[in-house]
Amino acid sequence: MKLFLVQSLILMLPAVVANSLPIVVSGLHWFEFLNVPLWERGLGKNKTRRGLIVGLFVAAVTALLLFLFQKRGLIGNTYFLFDYAERGLAITLIFGIAQGAGALGMDALKSYFKRKLNRPPGSPWPPFDELDFVGGFLISLFFVVPPMPVTLTILLAGPLVVVLFNGLAHLVKLKKVPW
């Protein structure tokens, strides 16, 4: 079971980073010129070009780092469900971007429905606040079909990872709310 958890976390790392880092960049006020809503009427003011660009970029960089760690033997192959080294750099980058797009896309879709239901920006919407990321990530797995125990681990651990990262971002004052 411990191996499944480690494999799951490594597999979803690009999506986790893509989902988390835009909040950090926003809190640090970097790239303010990109702080333009994607579609304010439909998604709200918090879904910005900056968040999308940063999220996709860090997902690709995270996948690239996993590629390098695996290729150089810094992390054993046992822990990888996606063989980055065998598939090559281009597929690795596409896989990372797909994970980022899945996580950010489902987050945007959730925001759209929050607006349609007249829920205010930043208001909690359990369990969708935690499950949007997991759903988007699972959709991005068209590159790899993980074994069922790993998929179940992702479904259970994914929301916990989101809660942990959001709580940490709130604790260090990068997020106004802990969800």
Foldseek 3Di string as FASTA:
>chain_A
DVLLLLLLCLLLVLLLCLLQVLLQCVLVCPPVVFQAAPDCLQQNSRHTSSSLVVSLVSLLVSLVVVLVCDVVVVDDPSSYQDNSVVVDSVVSSVLSNQLSCLQSVLNSVVSRVCVVVVNDPPDDDPPSQQCSSLRSNVVSCPVGDDPPVSNVSSVVCRSVSSLVSLQVCVVVPSDVDSD
